[in-house]
Amino acid sequence: MKSEQITSNQAQTTAVLQAPVSIIIPAYNEENGLGSVLAALLAHLNAIAGEYEVIVVDDGSADKTAVIAEQYPVTVLRHQVNKGYGAALKTGIRQAQHELICITDADGTYPNERIPDLVNILVEHNLDMVVGARIGDNVNIPTIRKPAKWALRRIANYVANETIPDLNSGLRIFKKDVCMLFFNILPNQFSFTTTITLAMLTNQYQVKYVPIDYFARVGKSKIRPIHDTLNFLRLVMRISLYFAPTKIFMPLSFWLLILGIVWGAVTLLVFGQLADITTLVIVMTAFQVFAIGLLAELINKRLPNYYRE
């Protein structure tokens, strides 16, 4: 079992962090919500025992995001220009002092009081990543984003060969050393979370999903539904080709072969022609796609070993 799901989304009674954690918050023009997010997070963490650090990465904001962050006892890192959500996370991960990494957002959408619970679940079960899955009792996801999220999740489920409750949740805990294995393929944009999810699942790492609530954000969303959905789809396909090429090439070659056989049968019965040029092209394409799939799989096996030992 590569991944599991905890059915309850109720916060546990957590009095101690069982391991030190670096909490990374990327922020781009989040002056309206960042202060309240940091105040609530620090108040909750200071009420329990355990070692932690909070890193805010200002991703080239044009407002007072960095000024507000500097009013709190956190580490503030700054990009001179906007580089993207994933780039901000990677900057924070590089500077993190602890082995466990937590990522969350600056807009008040995630229940950050659940962070100690997620950390302790990872430690207790010796997991590689714990994801706060947005399937709790109170989930506020814009309706316009739901169809695309459903379709992308279905594709990801097929690639990973298991059910993924939340593909790109922005609240999760993972081990820094595992993340660094995939660092070069983790994108600089919003698809960071999607990539690390599929990378871990397709390489047999232990992932658990914990239901959480998801609230309406403070301020304006940076998500562009159509543009980002197309990018997510392209990303899922790219990751599939990288980690599980046979999942794409083999079904495609099979259906091309079936199409060629059907087309050939129709031309034979209707026109009395055996193996016309169209049939030959389709069948040859099917075998070429099959060969490319085998070659991609062989290349994949020769890549550095990312699998969990």
Foldseek 3Di string as FASTA:
>chain_A
DQEAEDDAADADPDQEQPFEEEEEEEDAQLPQQQLVVVVVLVVLVVRHYYHYAYEYEYQCHPDCPQVSVVVDPHHYHYDVHHQADQQSVVVSLVPDPGFKYWYDYRFPFFPSSRVSVQSVVCVVVVFFKEAAAAPHPAADDDPLQVVLQVVLQVLLCLLLVHHDRGQQGRTMMGTSVLCVVCVVVQDRYSCNSNLVSSVSSLQSGHYYYYYHHTDDTHDDDPDDRPVVSVVSVVVSVVSSLQRPLCSPLVVVLVVLLVVLVVVQVCCCVPVVDHDDPVSVVSNVVSVVSVVVSVVSVVVNVVDPRSHDD
